[in-house]
Amino acid sequence: LMFFSGLFFVALIISLVIRLDIRKLE
């Protein structure tokens, strides 16, 4: 469960990084 919590941190970062791509396209 602690390992999966770490994976969610990675996913959280990606969910923020994708916004840069979205803004660039917009």
PDB file of all heavy atoms in Angstrom:
ATOM      1  N   LEU A   1       0.834  -1.209   0.000  1.00  0.00           N
ATOM      2  CA  LEU A   1       0.000   0.000   0.000  1.00  0.00           C
ATOM      3  C   LEU A   1       0.870   1.261   0.000  1.00  0.00           C
ATOM      4  O   LEU A   1       0.549   2.240  -0.675  1.00  0.00           O
ATOM      5  CB  LEU A   1      -0.939   0.009   1.205  1.00  0.00           C
ATOM      6  CG  LEU A   1      -2.043  -1.058   1.214  1.00  0.00           C
ATOM      7  CD1 LEU A   1      -2.894  -0.941   2.461  1.00  0.00           C
ATOM      8  CD2 LEU A   1      -2.926  -0.955  -0.027  1.00  0.00           C
ATOM      9  N   MET A   2       1.972   1.235   0.746  1.00  0.00           N
ATOM     10  CA  MET A   2       2.885   2.387   0.764  1.00  0.00           C
ATOM     11  C   MET A   2       3.536   2.575  -0.607  1.00  0.00           C
ATOM     12  O   MET A   2       3.722   3.699  -1.068  1.00  0.00           O
ATOM     13  CB  MET A   2       3.966   2.196   1.839  1.00  0.00           C
ATOM     14  CG  MET A   2       3.434   2.170   3.264  1.00  0.00           C
ATOM     15  SD  MET A   2       2.474   3.649   3.691  1.00  0.00           S
ATOM     16  CE  MET A   2       3.766   4.888   3.717  1.00  0.00           C
ATOM     17  N   PHE A   3       3.873   1.468  -1.254  1.00  0.00           N
ATOM     18  CA  PHE A   3       4.450   1.537  -2.606  1.00  0.00           C
ATOM     19  C   PHE A   3       3.431   2.148  -3.577  1.00  0.00           C
ATOM     20  O   PHE A   3       3.778   3.003  -4.394  1.00  0.00           O
ATOM     21  CB  PHE A   3       4.855   0.139  -3.070  1.00  0.00           C
ATOM     22  CG  PHE A   3       5.366   0.103  -4.489  1.00  0.00           C
ATOM     23  CD1 PHE A   3       6.669   0.471  -4.790  1.00  0.00           C
ATOM     24  CD2 PHE A   3       4.530  -0.280  -5.532  1.00  0.00           C
ATOM     25  CE1 PHE A   3       7.140   0.453  -6.104  1.00  0.00           C
ATOM     26  CE2 PHE A   3       4.985  -0.300  -6.844  1.00  0.00           C
ATOM     27  CZ  PHE A   3       6.299   0.057  -7.120  1.00  0.00           C
ATOM     28  N   PHE A   4       2.168   1.715  -3.466  1.00  0.00           N
ATOM     29  CA  PHE A   4       1.125   2.247  -4.350  1.00  0.00           C
ATOM     30  C   PHE A   4       0.892   3.739  -4.097  1.00  0.00           C
ATOM     31  O   PHE A   4       0.596   4.489  -5.022  1.00  0.00           O
ATOM     32  CB  PHE A   4      -0.182   1.468  -4.172  1.00  0.00           C
ATOM     33  CG  PHE A   4      -0.119   0.053  -4.702  1.00  0.00           C
ATOM     34  CD1 PHE A   4      -0.696  -0.998  -4.006  1.00  0.00           C
ATOM     35  CD2 PHE A   4       0.512  -0.228  -5.899  1.00  0.00           C
ATOM     36  CE1 PHE A   4      -0.633  -2.303  -4.487  1.00  0.00           C
ATOM     37  CE2 PHE A   4       0.588  -1.521  -6.399  1.00  0.00           C
ATOM     38  CZ  PHE A   4       0.015  -2.565  -5.679  1.00  0.00           C
ATOM     39  N   SER A   5       1.020   4.159  -2.842  1.00  0.00           N
ATOM     40  CA  SER A   5       0.911   5.586  -2.532  1.00  0.00           C
ATOM     41  C   SER A   5       1.979   6.375  -3.295  1.00  0.00           C
ATOM     42  O   SER A   5       1.713   7.458  -3.826  1.00  0.00           O
ATOM     43  CB  SER A   5       1.056   5.807  -1.024  1.00  0.00           C
ATOM     44  OG  SER A   5       0.933   7.171  -0.706  1.00  0.00           O
ATOM     45  N   GLY A   6       3.174   5.805  -3.355  1.00  0.00           N
ATOM     46  CA  GLY A   6       4.262   6.427  -4.131  1.00  0.00           C
ATOM     47  C   GLY A   6       3.936   6.494  -5.614  1.00  0.00           C
ATOM     48  O   GLY A   6       4.235   7.493  -6.280  1.00  0.00           O
ATOM     49  N   LEU A   7       3.312   5.430  -6.128  1.00  0.00           N
ATOM     50  CA  LEU A   7       2.898   5.428  -7.545  1.00  0.00           C
ATOM     51  C   LEU A   7       1.885   6.539  -7.814  1.00  0.00           C
ATOM     52  O   LEU A   7       1.918   7.179  -8.864  1.00  0.00           O
ATOM     53  CB  LEU A   7       2.271   4.077  -7.922  1.00  0.00           C
ATOM     54  CG  LEU A   7       3.191   2.932  -8.322  1.00  0.00           C
ATOM     55  CD1 LEU A   7       2.378   1.710  -8.725  1.00  0.00           C
ATOM     56  CD2 LEU A   7       4.130   3.334  -9.466  1.00  0.00           C
ATOM     57  N   PHE A   8       0.976   6.761  -6.856  1.00  0.00           N
ATOM     58  CA  PHE A   8      -0.019   7.831  -7.028  1.00  0.00           C
ATOM     59  C   PHE A   8       0.645   9.207  -7.049  1.00  0.00           C
ATOM     60  O   PHE A   8       0.145  10.126  -7.701  1.00  0.00           O
ATOM     61  CB  PHE A   8      -1.086   7.773  -5.930  1.00  0.00           C
ATOM     62  CG  PHE A   8      -2.167   6.765  -6.200  1.00  0.00           C
ATOM     63  CD1 PHE A   8      -2.440   5.748  -5.300  1.00  0.00           C
ATOM     64  CD2 PHE A   8      -2.918   6.826  -7.374  1.00  0.00           C
ATOM     65  CE1 PHE A   8      -3.431   4.814  -5.556  1.00  0.00           C
ATOM     66  CE2 PHE A   8      -3.899   5.891  -7.644  1.00  0.00           C
ATOM     67  CZ  PHE A   8      -4.165   4.890  -6.737  1.00  0.00           C
ATOM     68  N   PHE A   9       1.781   9.338  -6.357  1.00  0.00           N
ATOM     69  CA  PHE A   9       2.528  10.598  -6.421  1.00  0.00           C
ATOM     70  C   PHE A   9       3.032  10.828  -7.844  1.00  0.00           C
ATOM     71  O   PHE A   9       2.950  11.942  -8.375  1.00  0.00           O
ATOM     72  CB  PHE A   9       3.693  10.584  -5.427  1.00  0.00           C
ATOM     73  CG  PHE A   9       4.505  11.848  -5.450  1.00  0.00           C
ATOM     74  CD1 PHE A   9       4.018  13.029  -4.903  1.00  0.00           C
ATOM     75  CD2 PHE A   9       5.758  11.872  -6.060  1.00  0.00           C
ATOM     76  CE1 PHE A   9       4.757  14.203  -4.951  1.00  0.00           C
ATOM     77  CE2 PHE A   9       6.514  13.037  -6.111  1.00  0.00           C
ATOM     78  CZ  PHE A   9       6.011  14.208  -5.554  1.00  0.00           C
ATOM     79  N   VAL A  10       3.528   9.760  -8.474  1.00  0.00           N
ATOM     80  CA  VAL A  10       3.992   9.842  -9.874  1.00  0.00           C
ATOM     81  C   VAL A  10       2.817  10.239 -10.787  1.00  0.00           C
ATOM     82  O   VAL A  10       2.947  11.117 -11.641  1.00  0.00           O
ATOM     83  CB  VAL A  10       4.581   8.482 -10.340  1.00  0.00           C
ATOM     84  CG1 VAL A  10       4.914   8.513 -11.824  1.00  0.00           C
ATOM     85  CG2 VAL A  10       5.816   8.127  -9.510  1.00  0.00           C
ATOM     86  N   ALA A  11       1.655   9.580 -10.568  1.00  0.00           N
ATOM     87  CA  ALA A  11       0.469   9.869 -11.381  1.00  0.00           C
ATOM     88  C   ALA A  11       0.013  11.311 -11.191  1.00  0.00           C
ATOM     89  O   ALA A  11      -0.409  11.979 -12.143  1.00  0.00           O
ATOM     90  CB  ALA A  11      -0.663   8.907 -11.013  1.00  0.00           C
ATOM     91  N   LEU A  12       0.109  11.802  -9.938  1.00  0.00           N
ATOM     92  CA  LEU A  12      -0.279  13.193  -9.640  1.00  0.00           C
ATOM     93  C   LEU A  12       0.586  14.173 -10.429  1.00  0.00           C
ATOM     94  O   LEU A  12       0.077  15.131 -11.023  1.00  0.00           O
ATOM     95  CB  LEU A  12      -0.153  13.446  -8.132  1.00  0.00           C
ATOM     96  CG  LEU A  12      -0.510  14.853  -7.642  1.00  0.00           C
ATOM     97  CD1 LEU A  12      -1.978  15.159  -7.872  1.00  0.00           C
ATOM     98  CD2 LEU A  12      -0.172  15.001  -6.154  1.00  0.00           C
ATOM     99  N   ILE A  13       1.889  13.911 -10.462  1.00  0.00           N
ATOM    100  CA  ILE A  13       2.813  14.769 -11.226  1.00  0.00           C
ATOM    101  C   ILE A  13       2.437  14.759 -12.713  1.00  0.00           C
ATOM    102  O   ILE A  13       2.380  15.808 -13.369  1.00  0.00           O
ATOM    103  CB  ILE A  13       4.289  14.316 -11.033  1.00  0.00           C
ATOM    104  CG1 ILE A  13       4.712  14.422  -9.561  1.00  0.00           C
ATOM    105  CG2 ILE A  13       5.229  15.103 -11.930  1.00  0.00           C
ATOM    106  CD1 ILE A  13       4.632  15.812  -8.966  1.00  0.00           C
ATOM    107  N   ILE A  14       2.157  13.549 -13.240  1.00  0.00           N
ATOM    108  CA  ILE A  14       1.793  13.438 -14.667  1.00  0.00           C
ATOM    109  C   ILE A  14       0.491  14.184 -14.958  1.00  0.00           C
ATOM    110  O   ILE A  14       0.353  14.834 -15.995  1.00  0.00           O
ATOM    111  CB  ILE A  14       1.683  11.958 -15.091  1.00  0.00           C
ATOM    112  CG1 ILE A  14       3.066  11.300 -15.036  1.00  0.00           C
ATOM    113  CG2 ILE A  14       1.105  11.827 -16.503  1.00  0.00           C
ATOM    114  CD1 ILE A  14       3.052   9.798 -15.197  1.00  0.00           C
ATOM    115  N   SER A  15      -0.475  14.119 -14.003  1.00  0.00           N
ATOM    116  CA  SER A  15      -1.754  14.823 -14.200  1.00  0.00           C
ATOM    117  C   SER A  15      -1.569  16.341 -14.237  1.00  0.00           C
ATOM    118  O   SER A  15      -2.409  17.065 -14.769  1.00  0.00           O
ATOM    119  CB  SER A  15      -2.749  14.442 -13.093  1.00  0.00           C
ATOM    120  OG  SER A  15      -2.465  15.118 -11.881  1.00  0.00           O
ATOM    121  N   LEU A  16      -0.465  16.819 -13.653  1.00  0.00           N
ATOM    122  CA  LEU A  16      -0.151  18.252 -13.712  1.00  0.00           C
ATOM    123  C   LEU A  16       0.662  18.576 -14.969  1.00  0.00           C
ATOM    124  O   LEU A  16       0.450  19.614 -15.597  1.00  0.00           O
ATOM    125  CB  LEU A  16       0.628  18.672 -12.457  1.00  0.00           C
ATOM    126  CG  LEU A  16      -0.110  18.483 -11.117  1.00  0.00           C
ATOM    127  CD1 LEU A  16       0.813  18.794  -9.947  1.00  0.00           C
ATOM    128  CD2 LEU A  16      -1.364  19.357 -11.053  1.00  0.00           C
ATOM    129  N   VAL A  17       1.569  17.666 -15.352  1.00  0.00           N
ATOM    130  CA  VAL A  17       2.408  17.875 -16.545  1.00  0.00           C
ATOM    131  C   VAL A  17       1.545  17.915 -17.815  1.00  0.00           C
ATOM    132  O   VAL A  17       1.801  18.718 -18.714  1.00  0.00           O
ATOM    133  CB  VAL A  17       3.483  16.763 -16.654  1.00  0.00           C
ATOM    134  CG1 VAL A  17       4.194  16.813 -18.008  1.00  0.00           C
ATOM    135  CG2 VAL A  17       4.505  16.904 -15.534  1.00  0.00           C
ATOM    136  N   ILE A  18       0.505  17.073 -17.860  1.00  0.00           N
ATOM    137  CA  ILE A  18      -0.345  17.023 -19.062  1.00  0.00           C
ATOM    138  C   ILE A  18      -1.023  18.364 -19.317  1.00  0.00           C
ATOM    139  O   ILE A  18      -1.337  18.718 -20.454  1.00  0.00           O
ATOM    140  CB  ILE A  18      -1.388  15.879 -18.960  1.00  0.00           C
ATOM    141  CG1 ILE A  18      -1.952  15.548 -20.354  1.00  0.00           C
ATOM    142  CG2 ILE A  18      -2.534  16.236 -18.006  1.00  0.00           C
ATOM    143  CD1 ILE A  18      -2.841  14.304 -20.366  1.00  0.00           C
ATOM    144  N   ARG A  19      -1.206  19.150 -18.248  1.00  0.00           N
ATOM    145  CA  ARG A  19      -1.832  20.472 -18.392  1.00  0.00           C
ATOM    146  C   ARG A  19      -0.951  21.422 -19.221  1.00  0.00           C
ATOM    147  O   ARG A  19      -1.466  22.295 -19.908  1.00  0.00           O
ATOM    148  CB  ARG A  19      -2.090  21.099 -17.020  1.00  0.00           C
ATOM    149  CG  ARG A  19      -3.144  20.360 -16.206  1.00  0.00           C
ATOM    150  CD  ARG A  19      -3.045  20.749 -14.738  1.00  0.00           C
ATOM    151  NE  ARG A  19      -3.903  19.922 -13.916  1.00  0.00           N
ATOM    152  CZ  ARG A  19      -5.108  20.294 -13.476  1.00  0.00           C
ATOM    153  NH1 ARG A  19      -5.581  21.489 -13.785  1.00  0.00           N
ATOM    154  NH2 ARG A  19      -5.834  19.495 -12.736  1.00  0.00           N
ATOM    155  N   LEU A  20       0.378  21.247 -19.125  1.00  0.00           N
ATOM    156  CA  LEU A  20       1.300  22.066 -19.933  1.00  0.00           C
ATOM    157  C   LEU A  20       1.063  21.783 -21.413  1.00  0.00           C
ATOM    158  O   LEU A  20       1.056  22.695 -22.245  1.00  0.00           O
ATOM    159  CB  LEU A  20       2.752  21.772 -19.555  1.00  0.00           C
ATOM    160  CG  LEU A  20       3.151  22.001 -18.091  1.00  0.00           C
ATOM    161  CD1 LEU A  20       4.584  21.548 -17.841  1.00  0.00           C
ATOM    162  CD2 LEU A  20       2.980  23.474 -17.721  1.00  0.00           C
ATOM    163  N   ASP A  21       0.876  20.496 -21.733  1.00  0.00           N
ATOM    164  CA  ASP A  21       0.587  20.083 -23.105  1.00  0.00           C
ATOM    165  C   ASP A  21      -0.739  20.679 -23.571  1.00  0.00           C
ATOM    166  O   ASP A  21      -0.857  21.163 -24.710  1.00  0.00           O
ATOM    167  CB  ASP A  21       0.529  18.545 -23.159  1.00  0.00           C
ATOM    168  CG  ASP A  21       1.057  18.003 -24.474  1.00  0.00           C
ATOM    169  OD1 ASP A  21       1.992  18.613 -25.031  1.00  0.00           O
ATOM    170  OD2 ASP A  21       0.531  16.982 -24.953  1.00  0.00           O
ATOM    171  N   ILE A  22      -1.734  20.650 -22.682  1.00  0.00           N
ATOM    172  CA  ILE A  22      -3.059  21.182 -23.009  1.00  0.00           C
ATOM    173  C   ILE A  22      -2.979  22.682 -23.285  1.00  0.00           C
ATOM    174  O   ILE A  22      -3.519  23.182 -24.268  1.00  0.00           O
ATOM    175  CB  ILE A  22      -4.062  20.894 -21.865  1.00  0.00           C
ATOM    176  CG1 ILE A  22      -4.361  19.383 -21.792  1.00  0.00           C
ATOM    177  CG2 ILE A  22      -5.367  21.675 -22.055  1.00  0.00           C
ATOM    178  CD1 ILE A  22      -5.118  18.954 -20.540  1.00  0.00           C
ATOM    179  N   ARG A  23      -2.269  23.411 -22.402  1.00  0.00           N
ATOM    180  CA  ARG A  23      -2.143  24.874 -22.576  1.00  0.00           C
ATOM    181  C   ARG A  23      -1.426  25.210 -23.881  1.00  0.00           C
ATOM    182  O   ARG A  23      -1.789  26.162 -24.584  1.00  0.00           O
ATOM    183  CB  ARG A  23      -1.382  25.480 -21.382  1.00  0.00           C
ATOM    184  CG  ARG A  23      -2.226  25.544 -20.126  1.00  0.00           C
ATOM    185  CD  ARG A  23      -1.639  26.493 -19.089  1.00  0.00           C
ATOM    186  NE  ARG A  23      -2.253  26.209 -17.792  1.00  0.00           N
ATOM    187  CZ  ARG A  23      -1.650  25.571 -16.800  1.00  0.00           C
ATOM    188  NH1 ARG A  23      -0.410  25.139 -16.960  1.00  0.00           N
ATOM    189  NH2 ARG A  23      -2.265  25.361 -15.653  1.00  0.00           N
ATOM    190  N   LYS A  24      -0.390  24.441 -24.193  1.00  0.00           N
ATOM    191  CA  LYS A  24       0.364  24.674 -25.433  1.00  0.00           C
ATOM    192  C   LYS A  24      -0.549  24.502 -26.654  1.00  0.00           C
ATOM    193  O   LYS A  24      -0.518  25.307 -27.588  1.00  0.00           O
ATOM    194  CB  LYS A  24       1.531  23.678 -25.505  1.00  0.00           C
ATOM    195  CG  LYS A  24       2.647  24.097 -26.463  1.00  0.00           C
ATOM    196  CD  LYS A  24       3.668  22.994 -26.659  1.00  0.00           C
ATOM    197  CE  LYS A  24       4.384  22.624 -25.383  1.00  0.00           C
ATOM    198  NZ  LYS A  24       5.355  21.505 -25.592  1.00  0.00           N
ATOM    199  N   LEU A  25      -1.372  23.444 -26.630  1.00  0.00           N
ATOM    200  CA  LEU A  25      -2.299  23.184 -27.739  1.00  0.00           C
ATOM    201  C   LEU A  25      -3.374  24.257 -27.836  1.00  0.00           C
ATOM    202  O   LEU A  25      -3.731  24.700 -28.930  1.00  0.00           O
ATOM    203  CB  LEU A  25      -2.956  21.810 -27.566  1.00  0.00           C
ATOM    204  CG  LEU A  25      -2.112  20.621 -28.001  1.00  0.00           C
ATOM    205  CD1 LEU A  25      -2.641  19.346 -27.386  1.00  0.00           C
ATOM    206  CD2 LEU A  25      -2.131  20.496 -29.520  1.00  0.00           C
ATOM    207  N   GLU A  26      -3.896  24.671 -26.676  1.00  0.00           N
ATOM    208  CA  GLU A  26      -4.928  25.727 -26.662  1.00  0.00           C
ATOM    209  C   GLU A  26      -4.377  27.032 -27.236  1.00  0.00           C
ATOM    210  O   GLU A  26      -5.053  27.723 -27.996  1.00  0.00           O
ATOM    211  CB  GLU A  26      -5.428  25.951 -25.227  1.00  0.00           C
ATOM    212  CG  GLU A  26      -6.353  24.851 -24.749  1.00  0.00           C
ATOM    213  CD  GLU A  26      -6.734  24.983 -23.282  1.00  0.00           C
ATOM    214  OE1 GLU A  26      -6.009  25.679 -22.525  1.00  0.00           O
ATOM    215  OE2 GLU A  26      -7.742  24.370 -22.875  1.00  0.00           O
TER     216      GLU A  26
END
